[in-house]
Amino acid sequence: MNRQAELSQWIGTWISRELKLSPSQITQDKTFVRYGMDSMHAMMLVGDLEELLARRLPPTLAWDYPTQEALAGHLAALAEPSPAAVPATSADDILALLDHLSEEEIDRLLQERLNAGEKS
């Protein structure tokens, strides 16, 4: 199973449990609002995803990616190309990228940078 499918399954299970719905009621393309998700549930979902992925996520994530398919796709894409590998052009871009990294990832990247500087 690929990462997007795993995340989609996890999100579907979360929706079923937290919104007290039968798994058969949940589809990939139905918006979270149509399941009855409110802002409190959206914040809970983001918090649980942060725990699962061990990284900070924007609090508006469930509204920015309002379906199981969109959210799983976005989260899987975050894991694919490391945000640190994307060239940043300004301080704001760099800070936005850092928001998506865990403390461990930031420490690792800093250590790699320091090690690269020692070799030159």
PDB file of N, CA and C in Angstrom:
ATOM      1  N   MET A   1       0.851  -1.172   0.000  1.00  0.00           N
ATOM      2  CA  MET A   1       0.000   0.000   0.000  1.00  0.00           C
ATOM      3  C   MET A   1       0.903   1.245   0.000  1.00  0.00           C
ATOM      4  N   ASN A   2       0.601   2.210  -0.875  1.00  0.00           N
ATOM      5  CA  ASN A   2       1.431   3.411  -0.925  1.00  0.00           C
ATOM      6  C   ASN A   2       1.034   4.385   0.186  1.00  0.00           C
ATOM      7  N   ARG A   3       1.857   5.386   0.379  1.00  0.00           N
ATOM      8  CA  ARG A   3       1.669   6.337   1.491  1.00  0.00           C
ATOM      9  C   ARG A   3       0.325   7.052   1.396  1.00  0.00           C
ATOM     10  N   GLN A   4      -0.073   7.479   0.201  1.00  0.00           N
ATOM     11  CA  GLN A   4      -1.349   8.167   0.054  1.00  0.00           C
ATOM     12  C   GLN A   4      -2.506   7.254   0.440  1.00  0.00           C
ATOM     13  N   ALA A   5      -2.463   6.002   0.022  1.00  0.00           N
ATOM     14  CA  ALA A   5      -3.528   5.056   0.364  1.00  0.00           C
ATOM     15  C   ALA A   5      -3.568   4.806   1.872  1.00  0.00           C
ATOM     16  N   GLU A   6      -2.384   4.704   2.499  1.00  0.00           N
ATOM     17  CA  GLU A   6      -2.338   4.510   3.960  1.00  0.00           C
ATOM     18  C   GLU A   6      -2.946   5.699   4.684  1.00  0.00           C
ATOM     19  N   LEU A   7      -2.581   6.903   4.255  1.00  0.00           N
ATOM     20  CA  LEU A   7      -3.117   8.112   4.885  1.00  0.00           C
ATOM     21  C   LEU A   7      -4.617   8.232   4.655  1.00  0.00           C
ATOM     22  N   SER A   8      -5.052   7.903   3.458  1.00  0.00           N
ATOM     23  CA  SER A   8      -6.480   7.957   3.147  1.00  0.00           C
ATOM     24  C   SER A   8      -7.263   6.988   4.028  1.00  0.00           C
ATOM     25  N   GLN A   9      -6.731   5.796   4.202  1.00  0.00           N
ATOM     26  CA  GLN A   9      -7.383   4.808   5.059  1.00  0.00           C
ATOM     27  C   GLN A   9      -7.434   5.316   6.501  1.00  0.00           C
ATOM     28  N   TRP A  10      -6.336   5.894   6.974  1.00  0.00           N
ATOM     29  CA  TRP A  10      -6.282   6.420   8.342  1.00  0.00           C
ATOM     30  C   TRP A  10      -7.318   7.532   8.521  1.00  0.00           C
ATOM     31  N   ILE A  11      -7.397   8.439   7.546  1.00  0.00           N
ATOM     32  CA  ILE A  11      -8.357   9.543   7.615  1.00  0.00           C
ATOM     33  C   ILE A  11      -9.785   9.007   7.610  1.00  0.00           C
ATOM     34  N   GLY A  12     -10.062   8.034   6.761  1.00  0.00           N
ATOM     35  CA  GLY A  12     -11.399   7.439   6.709  1.00  0.00           C
ATOM     36  C   GLY A  12     -11.782   6.784   8.029  1.00  0.00           C
ATOM     37  N   THR A  13     -10.844   6.083   8.635  1.00  0.00           N
ATOM     38  CA  THR A  13     -11.087   5.457   9.934  1.00  0.00           C
ATOM     39  C   THR A  13     -11.332   6.514  11.001  1.00  0.00           C
ATOM     40  N   TRP A  14     -10.556   7.599  10.951  1.00  0.00           N
ATOM     41  CA  TRP A  14     -10.711   8.693  11.913  1.00  0.00           C
ATOM     42  C   TRP A  14     -12.096   9.321  11.782  1.00  0.00           C
ATOM     43  N   ILE A  15     -12.507   9.601  10.551  1.00  0.00           N
ATOM     44  CA  ILE A  15     -13.825  10.203  10.311  1.00  0.00           C
ATOM     45  C   ILE A  15     -14.920   9.283  10.832  1.00  0.00           C
ATOM     46  N   SER A  16     -14.821   8.017  10.523  1.00  0.00           N
ATOM     47  CA  SER A  16     -15.813   7.040  10.962  1.00  0.00           C
ATOM     48  C   SER A  16     -15.927   7.025  12.481  1.00  0.00           C
ATOM     49  N   ARG A  17     -14.785   6.991  13.151  1.00  0.00           N
ATOM     50  CA  ARG A  17     -14.771   6.920  14.618  1.00  0.00           C
ATOM     51  C   ARG A  17     -15.255   8.228  15.248  1.00  0.00           C
ATOM     52  N   GLU A  18     -14.668   9.338  14.849  1.00  0.00           N
ATOM     53  CA  GLU A  18     -14.946  10.621  15.514  1.00  0.00           C
ATOM     54  C   GLU A  18     -16.312  11.194  15.173  1.00  0.00           C
ATOM     55  N   LEU A  19     -16.789  10.966  13.960  1.00  0.00           N
ATOM     56  CA  LEU A  19     -18.086  11.510  13.559  1.00  0.00           C
ATOM     57  C   LEU A  19     -19.189  10.458  13.639  1.00  0.00           C
ATOM     58  N   LYS A  20     -18.811   9.293  14.176  1.00  0.00           N
ATOM     59  CA  LYS A  20     -19.757   8.205  14.419  1.00  0.00           C
ATOM     60  C   LYS A  20     -20.550   7.838  13.155  1.00  0.00           C
ATOM     61  N   LEU A  21     -19.791   7.545  12.104  1.00  0.00           N
ATOM     62  CA  LEU A  21     -20.370   7.157  10.832  1.00  0.00           C
ATOM     63  C   LEU A  21     -19.942   5.743  10.481  1.00  0.00           C
ATOM     64  N   SER A  22     -20.750   5.086   9.715  1.00  0.00           N
ATOM     65  CA  SER A  22     -20.384   3.768   9.206  1.00  0.00           C
ATOM     66  C   SER A  22     -19.314   3.949   8.127  1.00  0.00           C
ATOM     67  N   PRO A  23     -18.326   3.076   8.092  1.00  0.00           N
ATOM     68  CA  PRO A  23     -17.306   3.177   7.038  1.00  0.00           C
ATOM     69  C   PRO A  23     -17.904   3.199   5.633  1.00  0.00           C
ATOM     70  N   SER A  24     -19.051   2.571   5.436  1.00  0.00           N
ATOM     71  CA  SER A  24     -19.676   2.559   4.112  1.00  0.00           C
ATOM     72  C   SER A  24     -20.219   3.933   3.717  1.00  0.00           C
ATOM     73  N   GLN A  25     -20.384   4.835   4.679  1.00  0.00           N
ATOM     74  CA  GLN A  25     -20.872   6.182   4.386  1.00  0.00           C
ATOM     75  C   GLN A  25     -19.757   7.109   3.910  1.00  0.00           C
ATOM     76  N   ILE A  26     -18.521   6.675   4.026  1.00  0.00           N
ATOM     77  CA  ILE A  26     -17.380   7.547   3.753  1.00  0.00           C
ATOM     78  C   ILE A  26     -16.829   7.262   2.366  1.00  0.00           C
ATOM     79  N   THR A  27     -16.677   8.333   1.590  1.00  0.00           N
ATOM     80  CA  THR A  27     -16.096   8.217   0.248  1.00  0.00           C
ATOM     81  C   THR A  27     -14.934   9.194   0.118  1.00  0.00           C
ATOM     82  N   GLN A  28     -14.062   8.903  -0.821  1.00  0.00           N
ATOM     83  CA  GLN A  28     -12.850   9.689  -1.027  1.00  0.00           C
ATOM     84  C   GLN A  28     -13.112  11.147  -1.385  1.00  0.00           C
ATOM     85  N   ASP A  29     -14.209  11.402  -2.105  1.00  0.00           N
ATOM     86  CA  ASP A  29     -14.407  12.741  -2.656  1.00  0.00           C
ATOM     87  C   ASP A  29     -15.502  13.561  -1.969  1.00  0.00           C
ATOM     88  N   LYS A  30     -16.066  13.049  -0.900  1.00  0.00           N
ATOM     89  CA  LYS A  30     -17.100  13.784  -0.173  1.00  0.00           C
ATOM     90  C   LYS A  30     -16.422  14.751   0.805  1.00  0.00           C
ATOM     91  N   THR A  31     -16.893  15.989   0.844  1.00  0.00           N
ATOM     92  CA  THR A  31     -16.246  16.970   1.717  1.00  0.00           C
ATOM     93  C   THR A  31     -16.501  16.638   3.179  1.00  0.00           C
ATOM     94  N   PHE A  32     -15.542  17.022   4.012  1.00  0.00           N
ATOM     95  CA  PHE A  32     -15.648  16.774   5.449  1.00  0.00           C
ATOM     96  C   PHE A  32     -16.901  17.436   6.029  1.00  0.00           C
ATOM     97  N   VAL A  33     -17.251  18.593   5.516  1.00  0.00           N
ATOM     98  CA  VAL A  33     -18.438  19.311   6.002  1.00  0.00           C
ATOM     99  C   VAL A  33     -19.698  18.471   5.779  1.00  0.00           C
ATOM    100  N   ARG A  34     -19.748  17.747   4.682  1.00  0.00           N
ATOM    101  CA  ARG A  34     -20.932  16.913   4.394  1.00  0.00           C
ATOM    102  C   ARG A  34     -21.080  15.756   5.379  1.00  0.00           C
ATOM    103  N   TYR A  35     -19.987  15.419   6.072  1.00  0.00           N
ATOM    104  CA  TYR A  35     -20.063  14.399   7.118  1.00  0.00           C
ATOM    105  C   TYR A  35     -20.495  15.008   8.447  1.00  0.00           C
ATOM    106  N   GLY A  36     -20.579  16.339   8.495  1.00  0.00           N
ATOM    107  CA  GLY A  36     -20.928  17.005   9.738  1.00  0.00           C
ATOM    108  C   GLY A  36     -19.718  17.505  10.514  1.00  0.00           C
ATOM    109  N   MET A  37     -18.550  17.547   9.859  1.00  0.00           N
ATOM    110  CA  MET A  37     -17.352  18.015  10.545  1.00  0.00           C
ATOM    111  C   MET A  37     -17.459  19.518  10.791  1.00  0.00           C
ATOM    112  N   ASP A  38     -17.204  19.911  12.029  1.00  0.00           N
ATOM    113  CA  ASP A  38     -17.178  21.325  12.382  1.00  0.00           C
ATOM    114  C   ASP A  38     -15.736  21.729  12.675  1.00  0.00           C
ATOM    115  N   SER A  39     -15.545  22.980  13.080  1.00  0.00           N
ATOM    116  CA  SER A  39     -14.176  23.461  13.297  1.00  0.00           C
ATOM    117  C   SER A  39     -13.484  22.713  14.438  1.00  0.00           C
ATOM    118  N   MET A  40     -14.231  22.305  15.439  1.00  0.00           N
ATOM    119  CA  MET A  40     -13.636  21.550  16.546  1.00  0.00           C
ATOM    120  C   MET A  40     -13.095  20.209  16.054  1.00  0.00           C
ATOM    121  N   HIS A  41     -13.891  19.507  15.242  1.00  0.00           N
ATOM    122  CA  HIS A  41     -13.428  18.235  14.683  1.00  0.00           C
ATOM    123  C   HIS A  41     -12.247  18.447  13.742  1.00  0.00           C
ATOM    124  N   ALA A  42     -12.276  19.541  12.989  1.00  0.00           N
ATOM    125  CA  ALA A  42     -11.168  19.819  12.068  1.00  0.00           C
ATOM    126  C   ALA A  42      -9.872  20.005  12.850  1.00  0.00           C
ATOM    127  N   MET A  43      -9.939  20.709  13.965  1.00  0.00           N
ATOM    128  CA  MET A  43      -8.748  20.908  14.796  1.00  0.00           C
ATOM    129  C   MET A  43      -8.291  19.578  15.406  1.00  0.00           C
ATOM    130  N   MET A  44      -9.239  18.747  15.813  1.00  0.00           N
ATOM    131  CA  MET A  44      -8.892  17.432  16.354  1.00  0.00           C
ATOM    132  C   MET A  44      -8.196  16.581  15.287  1.00  0.00           C
ATOM    133  N   LEU A  45      -8.724  16.621  14.069  1.00  0.00           N
ATOM    134  CA  LEU A  45      -8.127  15.861  12.973  1.00  0.00           C
ATOM    135  C   LEU A  45      -6.684  16.310  12.734  1.00  0.00           C
ATOM    136  N   VAL A  46      -6.480  17.616  12.665  1.00  0.00           N
ATOM    137  CA  VAL A  46      -5.127  18.138  12.441  1.00  0.00           C
ATOM    138  C   VAL A  46      -4.204  17.728  13.591  1.00  0.00           C
ATOM    139  N   GLY A  47      -4.686  17.829  14.818  1.00  0.00           N
ATOM    140  CA  GLY A  47      -3.872  17.428  15.970  1.00  0.00           C
ATOM    141  C   GLY A  47      -3.495  15.956  15.918  1.00  0.00           C
ATOM    142  N   ASP A  48      -4.453  15.114  15.571  1.00  0.00           N
ATOM    143  CA  ASP A  48      -4.161  13.681  15.481  1.00  0.00           C
ATOM    144  C   ASP A  48      -3.210  13.375  14.318  1.00  0.00           C
ATOM    145  N   LEU A  49      -3.350  14.107  13.211  1.00  0.00           N
ATOM    146  CA  LEU A  49      -2.425  13.934  12.092  1.00  0.00           C
ATOM    147  C   LEU A  49      -1.021  14.393  12.471  1.00  0.00           C
ATOM    148  N   GLU A  50      -0.931  15.459  13.260  1.00  0.00           N
ATOM    149  CA  GLU A  50       0.383  15.905  13.727  1.00  0.00           C
ATOM    150  C   GLU A  50       1.064  14.822  14.557  1.00  0.00           C
ATOM    151  N   GLU A  51       0.290  14.173  15.410  1.00  0.00           N
ATOM    152  CA  GLU A  51       0.840  13.067  16.208  1.00  0.00           C
ATOM    153  C   GLU A  51       1.277  11.918  15.316  1.00  0.00           C
ATOM    154  N   LEU A  52       0.416  11.553  14.384  1.00  0.00           N
ATOM    155  CA  LEU A  52       0.711  10.437  13.483  1.00  0.00           C
ATOM    156  C   LEU A  52       1.969  10.703  12.661  1.00  0.00           C
ATOM    157  N   LEU A  53       2.088  11.904  12.138  1.00  0.00           N
ATOM    158  CA  LEU A  53       3.181  12.231  11.223  1.00  0.00           C
ATOM    159  C   LEU A  53       4.396  12.845  11.917  1.00  0.00           C
ATOM    160  N   ALA A  54       4.251  13.130  13.203  1.00  0.00           N
ATOM    161  CA  ALA A  54       5.336  13.744  13.990  1.00  0.00           C
ATOM    162  C   ALA A  54       5.856  15.016  13.327  1.00  0.00           C
ATOM    163  N   ARG A  55       4.918  15.875  12.948  1.00  0.00           N
ATOM    164  CA  ARG A  55       5.271  17.165  12.354  1.00  0.00           C
ATOM    165  C   ARG A  55       4.141  18.152  12.551  1.00  0.00           C
ATOM    166  N   ARG A  56       4.507  19.428  12.550  1.00  0.00           N
ATOM    167  CA  ARG A  56       3.493  20.478  12.681  1.00  0.00           C
ATOM    168  C   ARG A  56       2.759  20.641  11.366  1.00  0.00           C
ATOM    169  N   LEU A  57       1.466  20.893  11.485  1.00  0.00           N
ATOM    170  CA  LEU A  57       0.633  21.092  10.307  1.00  0.00           C
ATOM    171  C   LEU A  57      -0.191  22.364  10.496  1.00  0.00           C
ATOM    172  N   PRO A  58      -0.561  23.014   9.406  1.00  0.00           N
ATOM    173  CA  PRO A  58      -1.364  24.227   9.530  1.00  0.00           C
ATOM    174  C   PRO A  58      -2.737  23.903  10.118  1.00  0.00           C
ATOM    175  N   PRO A  59      -3.253  24.758  10.999  1.00  0.00           N
ATOM    176  CA  PRO A  59      -4.555  24.491  11.615  1.00  0.00           C
ATOM    177  C   PRO A  59      -5.709  24.494  10.615  1.00  0.00           C
ATOM    178  N   THR A  60      -5.516  25.079   9.458  1.00  0.00           N
ATOM    179  CA  THR A  60      -6.575  25.145   8.442  1.00  0.00           C
ATOM    180  C   THR A  60      -6.526  23.978   7.459  1.00  0.00           C
ATOM    181  N   LEU A  61      -5.708  22.998   7.742  1.00  0.00           N
ATOM    182  CA  LEU A  61      -5.466  21.898   6.809  1.00  0.00           C
ATOM    183  C   LEU A  61      -6.747  21.220   6.309  1.00  0.00           C
ATOM    184  N   ALA A  62      -7.676  20.931   7.218  1.00  0.00           N
ATOM    185  CA  ALA A  62      -8.906  20.233   6.829  1.00  0.00           C
ATOM    186  C   ALA A  62      -9.798  21.109   5.948  1.00  0.00           C
ATOM    187  N   TRP A  63      -9.649  22.403   6.044  1.00  0.00           N
ATOM    188  CA  TRP A  63     -10.438  23.317   5.200  1.00  0.00           C
ATOM    189  C   TRP A  63      -9.722  23.554   3.876  1.00  0.00           C
ATOM    190  N   ASP A  64      -8.392  23.548   3.907  1.00  0.00           N
ATOM    191  CA  ASP A  64      -7.613  23.747   2.681  1.00  0.00           C
ATOM    192  C   ASP A  64      -7.694  22.519   1.768  1.00  0.00           C
ATOM    193  N   TYR A  65      -7.804  21.357   2.354  1.00  0.00           N
ATOM    194  CA  TYR A  65      -7.890  20.076   1.625  1.00  0.00           C
ATOM    195  C   TYR A  65      -9.124  19.351   2.168  1.00  0.00           C
ATOM    196  N   PRO A  66     -10.324  19.736   1.690  1.00  0.00           N
ATOM    197  CA  PRO A  66     -11.577  19.362   2.354  1.00  0.00           C
ATOM    198  C   PRO A  66     -12.153  17.978   2.057  1.00  0.00           C
ATOM    199  N   THR A  67     -11.383  17.117   1.409  1.00  0.00           N
ATOM    200  CA  THR A  67     -11.850  15.748   1.193  1.00  0.00           C
ATOM    201  C   THR A  67     -10.763  14.774   1.629  1.00  0.00           C
ATOM    202  N   GLN A  68     -11.174  13.552   1.856  1.00  0.00           N
ATOM    203  CA  GLN A  68     -10.223  12.506   2.247  1.00  0.00           C
ATOM    204  C   GLN A  68      -9.143  12.363   1.175  1.00  0.00           C
ATOM    205  N   GLU A  69      -9.545  12.364  -0.068  1.00  0.00           N
ATOM    206  CA  GLU A  69      -8.611  12.210  -1.186  1.00  0.00           C
ATOM    207  C   GLU A  69      -7.629  13.385  -1.260  1.00  0.00           C
ATOM    208  N   ALA A  70      -8.142  14.608  -1.159  1.00  0.00           N
ATOM    209  CA  ALA A  70      -7.283  15.795  -1.252  1.00  0.00           C
ATOM    210  C   ALA A  70      -6.306  15.870  -0.081  1.00  0.00           C
ATOM    211  N   LEU A  71      -6.795  15.589   1.111  1.00  0.00           N
ATOM    212  CA  LEU A  71      -5.948  15.675   2.294  1.00  0.00           C
ATOM    213  C   LEU A  71      -4.859  14.600   2.267  1.00  0.00           C
ATOM    214  N   ALA A  72      -5.232  13.382   1.944  1.00  0.00           N
ATOM    215  CA  ALA A  72      -4.243  12.295   1.874  1.00  0.00           C
ATOM    216  C   ALA A  72      -3.213  12.580   0.788  1.00  0.00           C
ATOM    217  N   GLY A  73      -3.660  13.093  -0.340  1.00  0.00           N
ATOM    218  CA  GLY A  73      -2.736  13.426  -1.428  1.00  0.00           C
ATOM    219  C   GLY A  73      -1.752  14.505  -1.022  1.00  0.00           C
ATOM    220  N   HIS A  74      -2.258  15.526  -0.347  1.00  0.00           N
ATOM    221  CA  HIS A  74      -1.384  16.609   0.111  1.00  0.00           C
ATOM    222  C   HIS A  74      -0.359  16.099   1.125  1.00  0.00           C
ATOM    223  N   LEU A  75      -0.812  15.330   2.088  1.00  0.00           N
ATOM    224  CA  LEU A  75       0.095  14.824   3.125  1.00  0.00           C
ATOM    225  C   LEU A  75       1.133  13.874   2.538  1.00  0.00           C
ATOM    226  N   ALA A  76       0.728  13.058   1.581  1.00  0.00           N
ATOM    227  CA  ALA A  76       1.678  12.146   0.933  1.00  0.00           C
ATOM    228  C   ALA A  76       2.710  12.947   0.143  1.00  0.00           C
ATOM    229  N   ALA A  77       2.278  14.021  -0.501  1.00  0.00           N
ATOM    230  CA  ALA A  77       3.207  14.864  -1.265  1.00  0.00           C
ATOM    231  C   ALA A  77       4.205  15.547  -0.340  1.00  0.00           C
ATOM    232  N   LEU A  78       3.781  15.905   0.859  1.00  0.00           N
ATOM    233  CA  LEU A  78       4.706  16.501   1.822  1.00  0.00           C
ATOM    234  C   LEU A  78       5.831  15.538   2.166  1.00  0.00           C
ATOM    235  N   ALA A  79       5.502  14.265   2.205  1.00  0.00           N
ATOM    236  CA  ALA A  79       6.493  13.255   2.575  1.00  0.00           C
ATOM    237  C   ALA A  79       7.429  12.933   1.414  1.00  0.00           C
ATOM    238  N   GLU A  80       6.968  13.109   0.183  1.00  0.00           N
ATOM    239  CA  GLU A  80       7.773  12.755  -0.989  1.00  0.00           C
ATOM    240  C   GLU A  80       8.978  13.663  -1.153  1.00  0.00           C
ATOM    241  N   PRO A  81       8.820  14.797  -1.821  1.00  0.00           N
ATOM    242  CA  PRO A  81       9.990  15.659  -1.887  1.00  0.00           C
ATOM    243  C   PRO A  81      10.078  16.418  -0.579  1.00  0.00           C
ATOM    244  N   SER A  82      11.184  16.284   0.092  1.00  0.00           N
ATOM    245  CA  SER A  82      11.363  16.978   1.358  1.00  0.00           C
ATOM    246  C   SER A  82      11.214  18.467   1.141  1.00  0.00           C
ATOM    247  N   PRO A  83      10.451  19.158   1.994  1.00  0.00           N
ATOM    248  CA  PRO A  83      10.298  20.598   1.833  1.00  0.00           C
ATOM    249  C   PRO A  83      11.642  21.312   1.838  1.00  0.00           C
ATOM    250  N   ALA A  84      12.627  20.760   2.498  1.00  0.00           N
ATOM    251  CA  ALA A  84      13.942  21.395   2.529  1.00  0.00           C
ATOM    252  C   ALA A  84      14.628  21.304   1.167  1.00  0.00           C
ATOM    253  N   ALA A  85      14.184  20.374   0.324  1.00  0.00           N
ATOM    254  CA  ALA A  85      14.793  20.223  -0.986  1.00  0.00           C
ATOM    255  C   ALA A  85      14.243  21.234  -1.989  1.00  0.00           C
ATOM    256  N   VAL A  86      13.138  21.879  -1.636  1.00  0.00           N
ATOM    257  CA  VAL A  86      12.542  22.875  -2.511  1.00  0.00           C
ATOM    258  C   VAL A  86      13.274  24.190  -2.306  1.00  0.00           C
ATOM    259  N   PRO A  87      13.810  24.784  -3.376  1.00  0.00           N
ATOM    260  CA  PRO A  87      14.544  26.027  -3.189  1.00  0.00           C
ATOM    261  C   PRO A  87      13.634  27.141  -2.697  1.00  0.00           C
ATOM    262  N   ALA A  88      14.072  27.852  -1.685  1.00  0.00           N
ATOM    263  CA  ALA A  88      13.319  28.979  -1.142  1.00  0.00           C
ATOM    264  C   ALA A  88      13.958  30.264  -1.619  1.00  0.00           C
ATOM    265  N   THR A  89      13.136  31.259  -1.902  1.00  0.00           N
ATOM    266  CA  THR A  89      13.670  32.493  -2.460  1.00  0.00           C
ATOM    267  C   THR A  89      13.633  33.648  -1.468  1.00  0.00           C
ATOM    268  N   SER A  90      12.951  33.494  -0.364  1.00  0.00           N
ATOM    269  CA  SER A  90      12.890  34.580   0.604  1.00  0.00           C
ATOM    270  C   SER A  90      12.836  34.003   2.017  1.00  0.00           C
ATOM    271  N   ALA A  91      13.026  34.883   2.994  1.00  0.00           N
ATOM    272  CA  ALA A  91      12.949  34.448   4.391  1.00  0.00           C
ATOM    273  C   ALA A  91      11.568  33.884   4.702  1.00  0.00           C
ATOM    274  N   ASP A  92      10.513  34.490   4.151  1.00  0.00           N
ATOM    275  CA  ASP A  92       9.152  33.980   4.383  1.00  0.00           C
ATOM    276  C   ASP A  92       8.988  32.569   3.830  1.00  0.00           C
ATOM    277  N   ASP A  93       9.585  32.321   2.647  1.00  0.00           N
ATOM    278  CA  ASP A  93       9.517  30.978   2.061  1.00  0.00           C
ATOM    279  C   ASP A  93      10.213  29.966   2.956  1.00  0.00           C
ATOM    280  N   ILE A  94      11.376  30.342   3.466  1.00  0.00           N
ATOM    281  CA  ILE A  94      12.132  29.444   4.341  1.00  0.00           C
ATOM    282  C   ILE A  94      11.355  29.150   5.610  1.00  0.00           C
ATOM    283  N   LEU A  95      10.768  30.181   6.223  1.00  0.00           N
ATOM    284  CA  LEU A  95       9.989  29.976   7.445  1.00  0.00           C
ATOM    285  C   LEU A  95       8.776  29.092   7.182  1.00  0.00           C
ATOM    286  N   ALA A  96       8.141  29.282   6.036  1.00  0.00           N
ATOM    287  CA  ALA A  96       6.991  28.440   5.688  1.00  0.00           C
ATOM    288  C   ALA A  96       7.419  26.981   5.547  1.00  0.00           C
ATOM    289  N   LEU A  97       8.582  26.749   4.963  1.00  0.00           N
ATOM    290  CA  LEU A  97       9.081  25.379   4.831  1.00  0.00           C
ATOM    291  C   LEU A  97       9.403  24.782   6.195  1.00  0.00           C
ATOM    292  N   LEU A  98      10.005  25.573   7.068  1.00  0.00           N
ATOM    293  CA  LEU A  98      10.364  25.078   8.394  1.00  0.00           C
ATOM    294  C   LEU A  98       9.133  24.697   9.211  1.00  0.00           C
ATOM    295  N   ASP A  99       8.016  25.375   8.988  1.00  0.00           N
ATOM    296  CA  ASP A  99       6.784  25.045   9.703  1.00  0.00           C
ATOM    297  C   ASP A  99       6.325  23.625   9.416  1.00  0.00           C
ATOM    298  N   HIS A 100       6.728  23.085   8.273  1.00  0.00           N
ATOM    299  CA  HIS A 100       6.292  21.741   7.887  1.00  0.00           C
ATOM    300  C   HIS A 100       7.270  20.659   8.319  1.00  0.00           C
ATOM    301  N   LEU A 101       8.362  21.048   8.980  1.00  0.00           N
ATOM    302  CA  LEU A 101       9.352  20.074   9.418  1.00  0.00           C
ATOM    303  C   LEU A 101       9.252  19.844  10.914  1.00  0.00           C
ATOM    304  N   SER A 102       9.540  18.646  11.329  1.00  0.00           N
ATOM    305  CA  SER A 102       9.610  18.353  12.758  1.00  0.00           C
ATOM    306  C   SER A 102      10.941  18.881  13.287  1.00  0.00           C
ATOM    307  N   GLU A 103      11.043  18.971  14.601  1.00  0.00           N
ATOM    308  CA  GLU A 103      12.300  19.417  15.197  1.00  0.00           C
ATOM    309  C   GLU A 103      13.443  18.474  14.821  1.00  0.00           C
ATOM    310  N   GLU A 104      13.156  17.179  14.758  1.00  0.00           N
ATOM    311  CA  GLU A 104      14.186  16.207  14.392  1.00  0.00           C
ATOM    312  C   GLU A 104      14.670  16.445  12.966  1.00  0.00           C
ATOM    313  N   GLU A 105      13.728  16.735  12.047  1.00  0.00           N
ATOM    314  CA  GLU A 105      14.116  16.993  10.662  1.00  0.00           C
ATOM    315  C   GLU A 105      14.966  18.263  10.557  1.00  0.00           C
ATOM    316  N   ILE A 106      14.600  19.296  11.300  1.00  0.00           N
ATOM    317  CA  ILE A 106      15.372  20.540  11.296  1.00  0.00           C
ATOM    318  C   ILE A 106      16.774  20.283  11.836  1.00  0.00           C
ATOM    319  N   ASP A 107      16.864  19.560  12.951  1.00  0.00           N
ATOM    320  CA  ASP A 107      18.173  19.232  13.523  1.00  0.00           C
ATOM    321  C   ASP A 107      19.036  18.455  12.536  1.00  0.00           C
ATOM    322  N   ARG A 108      18.438  17.479  11.858  1.00  0.00           N
ATOM    323  CA  ARG A 108      19.177  16.664  10.888  1.00  0.00           C
ATOM    324  C   ARG A 108      19.686  17.532   9.741  1.00  0.00           C
ATOM    325  N   LEU A 109      18.826  18.417   9.218  1.00  0.00           N
ATOM    326  CA  LEU A 109      19.243  19.279   8.117  1.00  0.00           C
ATOM    327  C   LEU A 109      20.350  20.242   8.534  1.00  0.00           C
ATOM    328  N   LEU A 110      20.241  20.777   9.733  1.00  0.00           N
ATOM    329  CA  LEU A 110      21.293  21.667  10.229  1.00  0.00           C
ATOM    330  C   LEU A 110      22.615  20.913  10.389  1.00  0.00           C
ATOM    331  N   GLN A 111      22.532  19.701  10.907  1.00  0.00           N
ATOM    332  CA  GLN A 111      23.739  18.903  11.081  1.00  0.00           C
ATOM    333  C   GLN A 111      24.370  18.571   9.731  1.00  0.00           C
ATOM    334  N   GLU A 112      23.543  18.235   8.723  1.00  0.00           N
ATOM    335  CA  GLU A 112      24.064  17.967   7.397  1.00  0.00           C
ATOM    336  C   GLU A 112      24.766  19.198   6.837  1.00  0.00           C
ATOM    337  N   ARG A 113      24.154  20.362   7.042  1.00  0.00           N
ATOM    338  CA  ARG A 113      24.731  21.610   6.547  1.00  0.00           C
ATOM    339  C   ARG A 113      26.059  21.890   7.234  1.00  0.00           C
ATOM    340  N   LEU A 114      26.103  21.677   8.550  1.00  0.00           N
ATOM    341  CA  LEU A 114      27.342  21.884   9.297  1.00  0.00           C
ATOM    342  C   LEU A 114      28.434  20.925   8.838  1.00  0.00           C
ATOM    343  N   ASN A 115      28.052  19.656   8.625  1.00  0.00           N
ATOM    344  CA  ASN A 115      29.023  18.669   8.173  1.00  0.00           C
ATOM    345  C   ASN A 115      29.548  19.012   6.788  1.00  0.00           C
ATOM    346  N   ALA A 116      28.669  19.500   5.915  1.00  0.00           N
ATOM    347  CA  ALA A 116      29.082  19.889   4.563  1.00  0.00           C
ATOM    348  C   ALA A 116      30.054  21.068   4.635  1.00  0.00           C
ATOM    349  N   GLY A 117      29.829  22.010   5.560  1.00  0.00           N
ATOM    350  CA  GLY A 117      30.707  23.167   5.717  1.00  0.00           C
ATOM    351  C   GLY A 117      32.084  22.773   6.222  1.00  0.00           C
ATOM    352  N   GLU A 118      32.139  21.743   7.047  1.00  0.00           N
ATOM    353  CA  GLU A 118      33.438  21.275   7.588  1.00  0.00           C
ATOM    354  C   GLU A 118      34.282  20.627   6.502  1.00  0.00           C
ATOM    355  N   LYS A 119      33.629  20.021   5.512  1.00  0.00           N
ATOM    356  CA  LYS A 119      34.350  19.325   4.446  1.00  0.00           C
ATOM    357  C   LYS A 119      34.939  20.294   3.438  1.00  0.00           C
ATOM    358  N   SER A 120      34.369  21.513   3.317  1.00  0.00           N
ATOM    359  CA  SER A 120      34.872  22.447   2.306  1.00  0.00           C
ATOM    360  C   SER A 120      36.021  23.273   2.798  1.00  0.00           C
TER     361      SER A 120
END
